[in-house]
């Protein structure tokens, strides 16, 4: 109720448009029952669009000013929300109108100096990604070939250790998993209410010592990887996704990639992720290397919880060479 009232207030006071759009997007996508509130998503898209004029985001400003005014968020969120509305709309004509609006934003972005290097390659709103802006001269794709990223093989080779320690936590009396989750206190508003939670392992260099006490080999293995320990924005978690849960479309910040290792995923064809225009299914013990600076979303259609060990890590082409990776020529 408060979110929708803020949205109404933003129609009267345009300066509130960005804040109201963010609140509707973050906190008013789902009802407590898990039902999607389409009218709030449409309102958020319209308010992100309205905020573009408020932020003076036009193609005459410098790239620095564009970033300072949060124009990436204003345009990017409007585009992915209109695209989502178009793809999920039952009425064909209305769906086409929503998608056309998303493409309008994409076409305009190509006229902005910040996006000069991607004008030829971005042909769909879901191809927007921030790593390509950071590294315009290297290949870009939503899901990377595992052979290009040594961390993928490392995660798969040690899957049995990760699983053994996680299974012990899940099976321990006293619901140790939930105790660890509560001790962390991290909350993200991306999923169906009660449908997704996380246990922190390391965040921006700060290790969760209590977790490492109950899963020492997991922490020891992760501490051995320079892509993680020498990365200032490392964020490693166990993500638990409950059945019939979904994560709304969202995107991360550059420069980084993400590795997902399904550690407990008993239903291999019942849980998946969309990254940009590509879709993948999680299969237990098989790593996925994802560029989460593309729009991405998640769904779980199974009957059992799914646990994924996920970590942001330094992009292989990052100028910070302490990560000990090689920038690939092709993907």
C-alpha atoms as a PDB file:
ATOM      1  CA  UNK A   1       0.000   0.000   0.000  1.00  0.00           C
ATOM      2  CA  UNK A   2       2.751   2.488   0.923  1.00  0.00           C
ATOM      3  CA  UNK A   3       4.615   1.679  -2.308  1.00  0.00           C
ATOM      4  CA  UNK A   4       1.578   2.357  -4.472  1.00  0.00           C
ATOM      5  CA  UNK A   5       0.870   5.593  -2.603  1.00  0.00           C
ATOM      6  CA  UNK A   6       4.450   6.714  -3.282  1.00  0.00           C
ATOM      7  CA  UNK A   7       3.890   5.878  -6.950  1.00  0.00           C
ATOM      8  CA  UNK A   8       0.786   8.070  -7.025  1.00  0.00           C
ATOM      9  CA  UNK A   9       2.686  10.883  -5.318  1.00  0.00           C
ATOM     10  CA  UNK A  10       5.381  10.691  -8.002  1.00  0.00           C
ATOM     11  CA  UNK A  11       2.767  11.463 -10.647  1.00  0.00           C
ATOM     12  CA  UNK A  12       2.236  14.808  -8.937  1.00  0.00           C
ATOM     13  CA  UNK A  13       5.862  15.441  -7.961  1.00  0.00           C
ATOM     14  CA  UNK A  14       8.171  14.196 -10.779  1.00  0.00           C
ATOM     15  CA  UNK A  15      11.273  14.439  -8.567  1.00  0.00           C
ATOM     16  CA  UNK A  16       9.977  11.342  -6.761  1.00  0.00           C
ATOM     17  CA  UNK A  17       9.748   9.266  -9.933  1.00  0.00           C
ATOM     18  CA  UNK A  18      13.037   7.342  -9.625  1.00  0.00           C
ATOM     19  CA  UNK A  19      12.589   6.592  -5.918  1.00  0.00           C
ATOM     20  CA  UNK A  20       8.993   5.500  -6.407  1.00  0.00           C
ATOM     21  CA  UNK A  21       9.935   3.307  -9.374  1.00  0.00           C
ATOM     22  CA  UNK A  22      12.662   1.601  -7.344  1.00  0.00           C
ATOM     23  CA  UNK A  23      10.339   0.983  -4.397  1.00  0.00           C
ATOM     24  CA  UNK A  24       7.621  -0.498  -6.619  1.00  0.00           C
ATOM     25  CA  UNK A  25      10.167  -2.669  -8.412  1.00  0.00           C
ATOM     26  CA  UNK A  26      11.910  -3.894  -5.260  1.00  0.00           C
ATOM     27  CA  UNK A  27       9.034  -4.285  -2.815  1.00  0.00           C
ATOM     28  CA  UNK A  28       5.746  -4.466  -4.730  1.00  0.00           C
ATOM     29  CA  UNK A  29       6.374  -7.043  -7.477  1.00  0.00           C
ATOM     30  CA  UNK A  30       4.794  -9.940  -5.545  1.00  0.00           C
ATOM     31  CA  UNK A  31       1.898 -10.276  -3.150  1.00  0.00           C
ATOM     32  CA  UNK A  32       2.573 -12.264   0.018  1.00  0.00           C
ATOM     33  CA  UNK A  33       0.890 -15.200  -1.714  1.00  0.00           C
ATOM     34  CA  UNK A  34       3.520 -15.085  -4.476  1.00  0.00           C
ATOM     35  CA  UNK A  35       1.097 -13.650  -7.033  1.00  0.00           C
ATOM     36  CA  UNK A  36       2.701 -11.149  -9.420  1.00  0.00           C
ATOM     37  CA  UNK A  37       1.203  -7.643  -9.254  1.00  0.00           C
ATOM     38  CA  UNK A  38       1.298  -6.606 -12.910  1.00  0.00           C
ATOM     39  CA  UNK A  39      -0.160  -3.161 -12.320  1.00  0.00           C
ATOM     40  CA  UNK A  40       2.758  -2.320 -10.023  1.00  0.00           C
ATOM     41  CA  UNK A  41       5.288  -3.539 -12.585  1.00  0.00           C
ATOM     42  CA  UNK A  42       3.676  -1.362 -15.244  1.00  0.00           C
ATOM     43  CA  UNK A  43       3.656   1.586 -12.840  1.00  0.00           C
ATOM     44  CA  UNK A  44       7.346   1.013 -12.085  1.00  0.00           C
ATOM     45  CA  UNK A  45       8.192   0.910 -15.801  1.00  0.00           C
ATOM     46  CA  UNK A  46       6.274   4.145 -16.403  1.00  0.00           C
ATOM     47  CA  UNK A  47       7.945   5.851 -13.460  1.00  0.00           C
ATOM     48  CA  UNK A  48      11.433   4.777 -14.564  1.00  0.00           C
ATOM     49  CA  UNK A  49      10.523   6.256 -17.943  1.00  0.00           C
ATOM     50  CA  UNK A  50       9.256   9.445 -16.295  1.00  0.00           C
ATOM     51  CA  UNK A  51      12.477   9.712 -14.286  1.00  0.00           C
ATOM     52  CA  UNK A  52      14.557   9.935 -17.483  1.00  0.00           C
ATOM     53  CA  UNK A  53      13.391  13.491 -18.121  1.00  0.00           C
ATOM     54  CA  UNK A  54      13.771  14.374 -14.436  1.00  0.00           C
ATOM     55  CA  UNK A  55      17.407  13.230 -14.576  1.00  0.00           C
ATOM     56  CA  UNK A  56      18.063  15.164 -17.798  1.00  0.00           C
ATOM     57  CA  UNK A  57      19.324  11.943 -19.395  1.00  0.00           C
ATOM     58  CA  UNK A  58      19.796  12.883 -23.021  1.00  0.00           C
ATOM     59  CA  UNK A  59      22.403  12.180 -25.672  1.00  0.00           C
ATOM     60  CA  UNK A  60      24.040  15.588 -25.296  1.00  0.00           C
ATOM     61  CA  UNK A  61      25.637  14.925 -21.907  1.00  0.00           C
ATOM     62  CA  UNK A  62      29.048  13.405 -21.234  1.00  0.00           C
ATOM     63  CA  UNK A  63      29.477   9.803 -20.122  1.00  0.00           C
ATOM     64  CA  UNK A  64      30.515  11.004 -16.657  1.00  0.00           C
ATOM     65  CA  UNK A  65      27.341  13.055 -16.294  1.00  0.00           C
ATOM     66  CA  UNK A  66      25.288  10.150 -17.603  1.00  0.00           C
ATOM     67  CA  UNK A  67      26.623   7.920 -14.818  1.00  0.00           C
ATOM     68  CA  UNK A  68      26.351  10.600 -12.124  1.00  0.00           C
ATOM     69  CA  UNK A  69      22.666  11.051 -12.953  1.00  0.00           C
ATOM     70  CA  UNK A  70      21.973   7.292 -12.711  1.00  0.00           C
ATOM     71  CA  UNK A  71      20.827   7.287 -16.320  1.00  0.00           C
ATOM     72  CA  UNK A  72      21.863   3.643 -16.773  1.00  0.00           C
ATOM     73  CA  UNK A  73      19.347   2.655 -14.097  1.00  0.00           C
ATOM     74  CA  UNK A  74      16.596   4.887 -15.439  1.00  0.00           C
ATOM     75  CA  UNK A  75      16.886   3.589 -19.014  1.00  0.00           C
ATOM     76  CA  UNK A  76      17.943   0.035 -18.214  1.00  0.00           C
ATOM     77  CA  UNK A  77      15.170  -0.699 -15.741  1.00  0.00           C
ATOM     78  CA  UNK A  78      12.533   0.848 -17.983  1.00  0.00           C
ATOM     79  CA  UNK A  79      13.696  -1.283 -20.914  1.00  0.00           C
ATOM     80  CA  UNK A  80      13.790  -4.627 -19.089  1.00  0.00           C
ATOM     81  CA  UNK A  81      10.436  -4.022 -17.398  1.00  0.00           C
ATOM     82  CA  UNK A  82       8.670  -3.079 -20.620  1.00  0.00           C
ATOM     83  CA  UNK A  83      10.276  -6.084 -22.298  1.00  0.00           C
ATOM     84  CA  UNK A  84       9.081  -8.362 -19.458  1.00  0.00           C
ATOM     85  CA  UNK A  85       5.585  -6.911 -19.700  1.00  0.00           C
ATOM     86  CA  UNK A  86       5.605  -7.511 -23.451  1.00  0.00           C
ATOM     87  CA  UNK A  87       6.773 -11.109 -23.179  1.00  0.00           C
ATOM     88  CA  UNK A  88       4.259 -11.993 -20.450  1.00  0.00           C
ATOM     89  CA  UNK A  89       1.246 -10.104 -21.796  1.00  0.00           C
ATOM     90  CA  UNK A  90      -1.676 -12.266 -22.927  1.00  0.00           C
ATOM     91  CA  UNK A  91      -3.079  -9.575 -25.214  1.00  0.00           C
ATOM     92  CA  UNK A  92      -1.014  -9.700 -28.416  1.00  0.00           C
ATOM     93  CA  UNK A  93      -1.500  -6.047 -29.379  1.00  0.00           C
ATOM     94  CA  UNK A  94      -0.681  -4.761 -25.910  1.00  0.00           C
ATOM     95  CA  UNK A  95       2.329  -7.066 -25.702  1.00  0.00           C
ATOM     96  CA  UNK A  96       3.688  -5.693 -28.956  1.00  0.00           C
ATOM     97  CA  UNK A  97       3.225  -2.149 -27.658  1.00  0.00           C
ATOM     98  CA  UNK A  98       5.229  -2.914 -24.506  1.00  0.00           C
ATOM     99  CA  UNK A  99       8.030  -4.560 -26.475  1.00  0.00           C
ATOM    100  CA  UNK A 100       8.111  -1.643 -28.912  1.00  0.00           C
ATOM    101  CA  UNK A 101       8.632   0.715 -25.978  1.00  0.00           C
ATOM    102  CA  UNK A 102      11.544  -1.396 -24.742  1.00  0.00           C
ATOM    103  CA  UNK A 103      13.123  -1.227 -28.197  1.00  0.00           C
ATOM    104  CA  UNK A 104      12.607   2.548 -28.254  1.00  0.00           C
ATOM    105  CA  UNK A 105      14.824   2.850 -25.181  1.00  0.00           C
ATOM    106  CA  UNK A 106      17.424   0.537 -26.685  1.00  0.00           C
ATOM    107  CA  UNK A 107      17.563   2.526 -29.918  1.00  0.00           C
ATOM    108  CA  UNK A 108      17.950   5.785 -28.036  1.00  0.00           C
ATOM    109  CA  UNK A 109      20.798   4.385 -25.941  1.00  0.00           C
ATOM    110  CA  UNK A 110      22.715   3.729 -29.159  1.00  0.00           C
ATOM    111  CA  UNK A 111      22.780   7.495 -29.788  1.00  0.00           C
ATOM    112  CA  UNK A 112      24.368   8.211 -26.395  1.00  0.00           C
ATOM    113  CA  UNK A 113      28.195   8.607 -26.317  1.00  0.00           C
ATOM    114  CA  UNK A 114      28.545   6.079 -23.457  1.00  0.00           C
ATOM    115  CA  UNK A 115      27.088   3.343 -25.679  1.00  0.00           C
ATOM    116  CA  UNK A 116      28.951   4.112 -28.906  1.00  0.00           C
ATOM    117  CA  UNK A 117      30.957   0.886 -28.769  1.00  0.00           C
ATOM    118  CA  UNK A 118      27.912  -1.378 -28.554  1.00  0.00           C
ATOM    119  CA  UNK A 119      25.618   0.259 -31.107  1.00  0.00           C
ATOM    120  CA  UNK A 120      26.083  -2.522 -33.668  1.00  0.00           C
ATOM    121  CA  UNK A 121      25.887  -5.505 -31.327  1.00  0.00           C
ATOM    122  CA  UNK A 122      22.899  -4.674 -29.114  1.00  0.00           C
ATOM    123  CA  UNK A 123      19.852  -5.638 -31.162  1.00  0.00           C
ATOM    124  CA  UNK A 124      17.518  -6.706 -28.337  1.00  0.00           C
ATOM    125  CA  UNK A 125      16.793  -5.128 -24.922  1.00  0.00           C
ATOM    126  CA  UNK A 126      18.029  -8.314 -23.236  1.00  0.00           C
ATOM    127  CA  UNK A 127      21.461  -7.833 -24.823  1.00  0.00           C
ATOM    128  CA  UNK A 128      22.139  -4.812 -22.628  1.00  0.00           C
ATOM    129  CA  UNK A 129      25.041  -5.548 -20.291  1.00  0.00           C
ATOM    130  CA  UNK A 130      27.535  -3.437 -18.392  1.00  0.00           C
ATOM    131  CA  UNK A 131      30.621  -5.605 -18.813  1.00  0.00           C
ATOM    132  CA  UNK A 132      30.591  -4.865 -22.526  1.00  0.00           C
ATOM    133  CA  UNK A 133      30.688  -1.153 -21.782  1.00  0.00           C
ATOM    134  CA  UNK A 134      33.732  -1.762 -19.571  1.00  0.00           C
ATOM    135  CA  UNK A 135      35.434  -4.088 -22.084  1.00  0.00           C
ATOM    136  CA  UNK A 136      34.145  -3.020 -25.538  1.00  0.00           C
ATOM    137  CA  UNK A 137      36.932  -4.739 -27.496  1.00  0.00           C
ATOM    138  CA  UNK A 138      36.471  -8.278 -26.184  1.00  0.00           C
ATOM    139  CA  UNK A 139      33.725 -10.832 -26.842  1.00  0.00           C
ATOM    140  CA  UNK A 140      30.588 -10.644 -24.746  1.00  0.00           C
ATOM    141  CA  UNK A 141      27.953 -13.270 -24.064  1.00  0.00           C
ATOM    142  CA  UNK A 142      25.507 -14.109 -21.260  1.00  0.00           C
ATOM    143  CA  UNK A 143      26.747 -17.660 -20.582  1.00  0.00           C
ATOM    144  CA  UNK A 144      30.476 -18.300 -20.989  1.00  0.00           C
ATOM    145  CA  UNK A 145      32.210 -21.433 -22.174  1.00  0.00           C
ATOM    146  CA  UNK A 146      33.521 -23.156 -19.043  1.00  0.00           C
ATOM    147  CA  UNK A 147      36.811 -23.937 -20.774  1.00  0.00           C
ATOM    148  CA  UNK A 148      37.591 -20.200 -20.842  1.00  0.00           C
ATOM    149  CA  UNK A 149      37.361 -19.852 -17.051  1.00  0.00           C
ATOM    150  CA  UNK A 150      39.533 -22.163 -14.877  1.00  0.00           C
ATOM    151  CA  UNK A 151      37.318 -21.484 -11.863  1.00  0.00           C
ATOM    152  CA  UNK A 152      34.548 -23.540 -13.490  1.00  0.00           C
ATOM    153  CA  UNK A 153      36.597 -26.749 -13.527  1.00  0.00           C
ATOM    154  CA  UNK A 154      37.839 -26.092  -9.992  1.00  0.00           C
ATOM    155  CA  UNK A 155      34.278 -25.817  -8.711  1.00  0.00           C
ATOM    156  CA  UNK A 156      33.217 -28.990 -10.495  1.00  0.00           C
ATOM    157  CA  UNK A 157      36.292 -30.930  -9.335  1.00  0.00           C
ATOM    158  CA  UNK A 158      35.485 -30.073  -5.714  1.00  0.00           C
ATOM    159  CA  UNK A 159      31.726 -30.430  -5.951  1.00  0.00           C
ATOM    160  CA  UNK A 160      31.759 -33.587  -3.804  1.00  0.00           C
ATOM    161  CA  UNK A 161      33.400 -31.697  -0.921  1.00  0.00           C
ATOM    162  CA  UNK A 162      30.995 -28.764  -1.166  1.00  0.00           C
ATOM    163  CA  UNK A 163      28.056 -31.172  -1.237  1.00  0.00           C
ATOM    164  CA  UNK A 164      29.249 -33.271   1.692  1.00  0.00           C
ATOM    165  CA  UNK A 165      29.620 -30.245   3.958  1.00  0.00           C
ATOM    166  CA  UNK A 166      26.379 -28.603   2.815  1.00  0.00           C
ATOM    167  CA  UNK A 167      24.421 -31.831   3.224  1.00  0.00           C
ATOM    168  CA  UNK A 168      25.773 -32.157   6.783  1.00  0.00           C
ATOM    169  CA  UNK A 169      24.535 -28.632   7.541  1.00  0.00           C
ATOM    170  CA  UNK A 170      21.105 -29.310   6.027  1.00  0.00           C
ATOM    171  CA  UNK A 171      20.730 -32.631   7.878  1.00  0.00           C
ATOM    172  CA  UNK A 172      22.054 -31.436  11.255  1.00  0.00           C
ATOM    173  CA  UNK A 173      19.571 -31.349  14.144  1.00  0.00           C
ATOM    174  CA  UNK A 174      18.489 -27.928  15.306  1.00  0.00           C
ATOM    175  CA  UNK A 175      18.196 -26.506  11.771  1.00  0.00           C
ATOM    176  CA  UNK A 176      21.784 -25.278  11.560  1.00  0.00           C
ATOM    177  CA  UNK A 177      21.175 -23.926   8.060  1.00  0.00           C
ATOM    178  CA  UNK A 178      18.487 -21.567   9.336  1.00  0.00           C
ATOM    179  CA  UNK A 179      20.632 -20.512  12.285  1.00  0.00           C
ATOM    180  CA  UNK A 180      23.453 -19.576   9.899  1.00  0.00           C
ATOM    181  CA  UNK A 181      21.062 -17.686   7.673  1.00  0.00           C
ATOM    182  CA  UNK A 182      19.664 -15.686  10.572  1.00  0.00           C
ATOM    183  CA  UNK A 183      23.152 -14.934  11.880  1.00  0.00           C
ATOM    184  CA  UNK A 184      23.999 -13.318   8.552  1.00  0.00           C
ATOM    185  CA  UNK A 185      20.950 -11.076   8.387  1.00  0.00           C
ATOM    186  CA  UNK A 186      21.222 -10.445   4.633  1.00  0.00           C
ATOM    187  CA  UNK A 187      17.949  -9.670   2.870  1.00  0.00           C
ATOM    188  CA  UNK A 188      17.364  -9.114  -0.859  1.00  0.00           C
ATOM    189  CA  UNK A 189      13.957  -8.301  -2.327  1.00  0.00           C
ATOM    190  CA  UNK A 190      14.270 -10.108  -5.633  1.00  0.00           C
ATOM    191  CA  UNK A 191      12.165 -13.228  -5.139  1.00  0.00           C
ATOM    192  CA  UNK A 192       8.739 -14.525  -4.303  1.00  0.00           C
ATOM    193  CA  UNK A 193       8.155 -13.817  -0.570  1.00  0.00           C
ATOM    194  CA  UNK A 194       9.741 -16.603   1.448  1.00  0.00           C
ATOM    195  CA  UNK A 195      10.927 -18.294  -1.712  1.00  0.00           C
ATOM    196  CA  UNK A 196      14.641 -17.551  -1.624  1.00  0.00           C
ATOM    197  CA  UNK A 197      17.269 -17.094   1.025  1.00  0.00           C
ATOM    198  CA  UNK A 198      21.023 -16.938   1.331  1.00  0.00           C
ATOM    199  CA  UNK A 199      23.894 -17.838   3.618  1.00  0.00           C
ATOM    200  CA  UNK A 200      26.892 -15.563   3.247  1.00  0.00           C
ATOM    201  CA  UNK A 201      30.325 -17.165   2.988  1.00  0.00           C
ATOM    202  CA  UNK A 202      32.423 -14.129   2.064  1.00  0.00           C
ATOM    203  CA  UNK A 203      31.319 -10.635   1.149  1.00  0.00           C
ATOM    204  CA  UNK A 204      33.729  -7.958  -0.012  1.00  0.00           C
ATOM    205  CA  UNK A 205      36.610  -9.681   1.726  1.00  0.00           C
ATOM    206  CA  UNK A 206      34.801 -10.359   5.018  1.00  0.00           C
ATOM    207  CA  UNK A 207      34.464 -14.077   5.738  1.00  0.00           C
ATOM    208  CA  UNK A 208      31.583 -15.492   7.741  1.00  0.00           C
ATOM    209  CA  UNK A 209      33.617 -17.263  10.416  1.00  0.00           C
ATOM    210  CA  UNK A 210      30.684 -19.213  11.833  1.00  0.00           C
ATOM    211  CA  UNK A 211      29.985 -20.771   8.459  1.00  0.00           C
ATOM    212  CA  UNK A 212      33.658 -21.625   8.015  1.00  0.00           C
ATOM    213  CA  UNK A 213      33.623 -23.410  11.369  1.00  0.00           C
ATOM    214  CA  UNK A 214      30.948 -25.828  10.148  1.00  0.00           C
ATOM    215  CA  UNK A 215      32.204 -26.036   6.540  1.00  0.00           C
ATOM    216  CA  UNK A 216      35.998 -25.683   6.888  1.00  0.00           C
ATOM    217  CA  UNK A 217      37.000 -27.457   3.676  1.00  0.00           C
ATOM    218  CA  UNK A 218      34.587 -25.338   1.645  1.00  0.00           C
ATOM    219  CA  UNK A 219      36.170 -22.147   2.965  1.00  0.00           C
ATOM    220  CA  UNK A 220      39.676 -23.527   2.564  1.00  0.00           C
ATOM    221  CA  UNK A 221      39.014 -24.328  -1.095  1.00  0.00           C
ATOM    222  CA  UNK A 222      37.443 -20.961  -1.821  1.00  0.00           C
ATOM    223  CA  UNK A 223      40.306 -19.138  -0.070  1.00  0.00           C
ATOM    224  CA  UNK A 224      42.730 -20.831  -2.471  1.00  0.00           C
ATOM    225  CA  UNK A 225      41.326 -19.062  -5.546  1.00  0.00           C
ATOM    226  CA  UNK A 226      42.906 -15.725  -6.554  1.00  0.00           C
ATOM    227  CA  UNK A 227      39.793 -14.860  -8.584  1.00  0.00           C
ATOM    228  CA  UNK A 228      38.030 -14.617  -5.226  1.00  0.00           C
ATOM    229  CA  UNK A 229      40.541 -13.578  -2.576  1.00  0.00           C
ATOM    230  CA  UNK A 230      42.176 -10.935  -4.777  1.00  0.00           C
ATOM    231  CA  UNK A 231      38.870  -9.502  -5.940  1.00  0.00           C
ATOM    232  CA  UNK A 232      37.588  -6.404  -4.090  1.00  0.00           C
ATOM    233  CA  UNK A 233      33.933  -7.097  -4.943  1.00  0.00           C
ATOM    234  CA  UNK A 234      33.825 -10.833  -4.224  1.00  0.00           C
ATOM    235  CA  UNK A 235      30.482 -12.029  -2.878  1.00  0.00           C
ATOM    236  CA  UNK A 236      30.004 -15.763  -2.284  1.00  0.00           C
ATOM    237  CA  UNK A 237      26.783 -17.275  -0.947  1.00  0.00           C
ATOM    238  CA  UNK A 238      24.715 -20.395  -0.770  1.00  0.00           C
ATOM    239  CA  UNK A 239      21.362 -19.591  -2.365  1.00  0.00           C
ATOM    240  CA  UNK A 240      18.388 -21.729  -1.427  1.00  0.00           C
ATOM    241  CA  UNK A 241      15.472 -21.516  -3.853  1.00  0.00           C
ATOM    242  CA  UNK A 242      12.196 -23.028  -2.787  1.00  0.00           C
ATOM    243  CA  UNK A 243       9.703 -24.767  -5.110  1.00  0.00           C
ATOM    244  CA  UNK A 244       7.362 -22.550  -7.143  1.00  0.00           C
ATOM    245  CA  UNK A 245       9.583 -19.525  -6.544  1.00  0.00           C
ATOM    246  CA  UNK A 246      10.842 -16.929  -8.982  1.00  0.00           C
ATOM    247  CA  UNK A 247      13.380 -14.107  -9.088  1.00  0.00           C
ATOM    248  CA  UNK A 248      12.310 -11.012 -10.983  1.00  0.00           C
ATOM    249  CA  UNK A 249      14.519  -9.749 -13.872  1.00  0.00           C
ATOM    250  CA  UNK A 250      17.497  -7.734 -12.609  1.00  0.00           C
ATOM    251  CA  UNK A 251      21.107  -6.979 -13.516  1.00  0.00           C
ATOM    252  CA  UNK A 252      24.411  -6.571 -11.701  1.00  0.00           C
ATOM    253  CA  UNK A 253      27.326  -4.165 -11.870  1.00  0.00           C
ATOM    254  CA  UNK A 254      30.511  -4.413 -13.940  1.00  0.00           C
ATOM    255  CA  UNK A 255      33.219  -5.588 -13.927  1.00  0.00           C
ATOM    256  CA  UNK A 256      32.545  -9.116 -12.757  1.00  0.00           C
ATOM    257  CA  UNK A 257      31.331 -12.571 -13.713  1.00  0.00           C
ATOM    258  CA  UNK A 258      29.388 -15.070 -11.618  1.00  0.00           C
ATOM    259  CA  UNK A 259      29.902 -18.800 -11.143  1.00  0.00           C
ATOM    260  CA  UNK A 260      26.918 -20.926 -10.124  1.00  0.00           C
ATOM    261  CA  UNK A 261      27.488 -24.487  -8.907  1.00  0.00           C
ATOM    262  CA  UNK A 262      24.307 -26.436  -8.122  1.00  0.00           C
ATOM    263  CA  UNK A 263      25.326 -28.388  -5.023  1.00  0.00           C
ATOM    264  CA  UNK A 264      21.961 -29.892  -4.098  1.00  0.00           C
ATOM    265  CA  UNK A 265      19.628 -29.905  -7.104  1.00  0.00           C
ATOM    266  CA  UNK A 266      17.702 -33.196  -7.108  1.00  0.00           C
ATOM    267  CA  UNK A 267      15.438 -32.207 -10.006  1.00  0.00           C
ATOM    268  CA  UNK A 268      17.758 -31.330 -12.905  1.00  0.00           C
ATOM    269  CA  UNK A 269      15.059 -30.181 -15.330  1.00  0.00           C
ATOM    270  CA  UNK A 270      12.932 -28.226 -12.876  1.00  0.00           C
ATOM    271  CA  UNK A 271      15.035 -25.145 -12.101  1.00  0.00           C
ATOM    272  CA  UNK A 272      16.542 -22.682 -14.545  1.00  0.00           C
ATOM    273  CA  UNK A 273      17.933 -19.233 -15.216  1.00  0.00           C
ATOM    274  CA  UNK A 274      17.488 -16.810 -18.101  1.00  0.00           C
ATOM    275  CA  UNK A 275      20.494 -14.561 -18.760  1.00  0.00           C
ATOM    276  CA  UNK A 276      19.991 -12.050 -21.532  1.00  0.00           C
ATOM    277  CA  UNK A 277      18.366 -13.973 -24.397  1.00  0.00           C
ATOM    278  CA  UNK A 278      19.803 -17.339 -23.264  1.00  0.00           C
ATOM    279  CA  UNK A 279      18.300 -19.972 -20.947  1.00  0.00           C
ATOM    280  CA  UNK A 280      20.097 -22.625 -18.891  1.00  0.00           C
ATOM    281  CA  UNK A 281      19.037 -25.363 -16.481  1.00  0.00           C
ATOM    282  CA  UNK A 282      20.929 -26.085 -13.290  1.00  0.00           C
ATOM    283  CA  UNK A 283      22.337 -29.594 -13.120  1.00  0.00           C
ATOM    284  CA  UNK A 284      23.916 -30.812  -9.904  1.00  0.00           C
ATOM    285  CA  UNK A 285      27.710 -30.605  -9.965  1.00  0.00           C
ATOM    286  CA  UNK A 286      27.844 -28.690 -13.282  1.00  0.00           C
ATOM    287  CA  UNK A 287      29.110 -25.109 -13.085  1.00  0.00           C
ATOM    288  CA  UNK A 288      27.619 -22.210 -15.006  1.00  0.00           C
ATOM    289  CA  UNK A 289      29.732 -19.136 -15.747  1.00  0.00           C
ATOM    290  CA  UNK A 290      27.326 -16.225 -16.130  1.00  0.00           C
ATOM    291  CA  UNK A 291      27.648 -12.571 -16.994  1.00  0.00           C
ATOM    292  CA  UNK A 292      25.092 -11.243 -14.548  1.00  0.00           C
ATOM    293  CA  UNK A 293      25.457  -7.694 -15.845  1.00  0.00           C
ATOM    294  CA  UNK A 294      22.920  -8.891 -18.448  1.00  0.00           C
ATOM    295  CA  UNK A 295      19.274  -8.879 -17.335  1.00  0.00           C
ATOM    296  CA  UNK A 296      18.596 -12.244 -15.701  1.00  0.00           C
ATOM    297  CA  UNK A 297      15.788 -14.030 -13.875  1.00  0.00           C
ATOM    298  CA  UNK A 298      15.259 -17.402 -12.182  1.00  0.00           C
ATOM    299  CA  UNK A 299      12.425 -19.917 -11.803  1.00  0.00           C
ATOM    300  CA  UNK A 300      12.014 -23.173  -9.877  1.00  0.00           C
ATOM    301  CA  UNK A 301       9.182 -25.524 -10.898  1.00  0.00           C
ATOM    302  CA  UNK A 302      10.186 -28.568  -8.843  1.00  0.00           C
ATOM    303  CA  UNK A 303       9.114 -29.978  -5.505  1.00  0.00           C
ATOM    304  CA  UNK A 304      12.418 -29.904  -3.594  1.00  0.00           C
ATOM    305  CA  UNK A 305      14.619 -26.950  -2.533  1.00  0.00           C
ATOM    306  CA  UNK A 306      17.593 -26.212  -4.755  1.00  0.00           C
ATOM    307  CA  UNK A 307      20.921 -25.033  -3.306  1.00  0.00           C
ATOM    308  CA  UNK A 308      23.466 -23.226  -5.473  1.00  0.00           C
ATOM    309  CA  UNK A 309      26.952 -22.112  -4.453  1.00  0.00           C
ATOM    310  CA  UNK A 310      27.277 -18.768  -6.231  1.00  0.00           C
ATOM    311  CA  UNK A 311      30.114 -16.284  -6.343  1.00  0.00           C
ATOM    312  CA  UNK A 312      30.924 -13.052  -8.050  1.00  0.00           C
ATOM    313  CA  UNK A 313      34.560 -13.009  -9.121  1.00  0.00           C
ATOM    314  CA  UNK A 314      36.975 -10.778 -10.997  1.00  0.00           C
ATOM    315  CA  UNK A 315      36.347 -10.533 -14.719  1.00  0.00           C
ATOM    316  CA  UNK A 316      39.163 -12.305 -16.603  1.00  0.00           C
ATOM    317  CA  UNK A 317      39.812  -9.119 -18.569  1.00  0.00           C
ATOM    318  CA  UNK A 318      39.933  -6.856 -15.529  1.00  0.00           C
ATOM    319  CA  UNK A 319      43.033  -4.672 -15.306  1.00  0.00           C
ATOM    320  CA  UNK A 320      43.556  -6.029 -11.785  1.00  0.00           C
ATOM    321  CA  UNK A 321      45.839  -8.922 -12.792  1.00  0.00           C
ATOM    322  CA  UNK A 322      46.114 -10.243  -9.228  1.00  0.00           C
ATOM    323  CA  UNK A 323      43.196 -12.516 -10.116  1.00  0.00           C
ATOM    324  CA  UNK A 324      45.625 -14.645 -12.189  1.00  0.00           C
ATOM    325  CA  UNK A 325      43.235 -15.142 -15.110  1.00  0.00           C
ATOM    326  CA  UNK A 326      43.741 -14.709 -18.854  1.00  0.00           C
ATOM    327  CA  UNK A 327      41.443 -12.576 -20.954  1.00  0.00           C
ATOM    328  CA  UNK A 328      40.053 -14.864 -23.703  1.00  0.00           C
ATOM    329  CA  UNK A 329      40.143 -13.925 -27.382  1.00  0.00           C
ATOM    330  CA  UNK A 330      36.896 -15.753 -28.131  1.00  0.00           C
ATOM    331  CA  UNK A 331      33.983 -17.151 -26.172  1.00  0.00           C
END
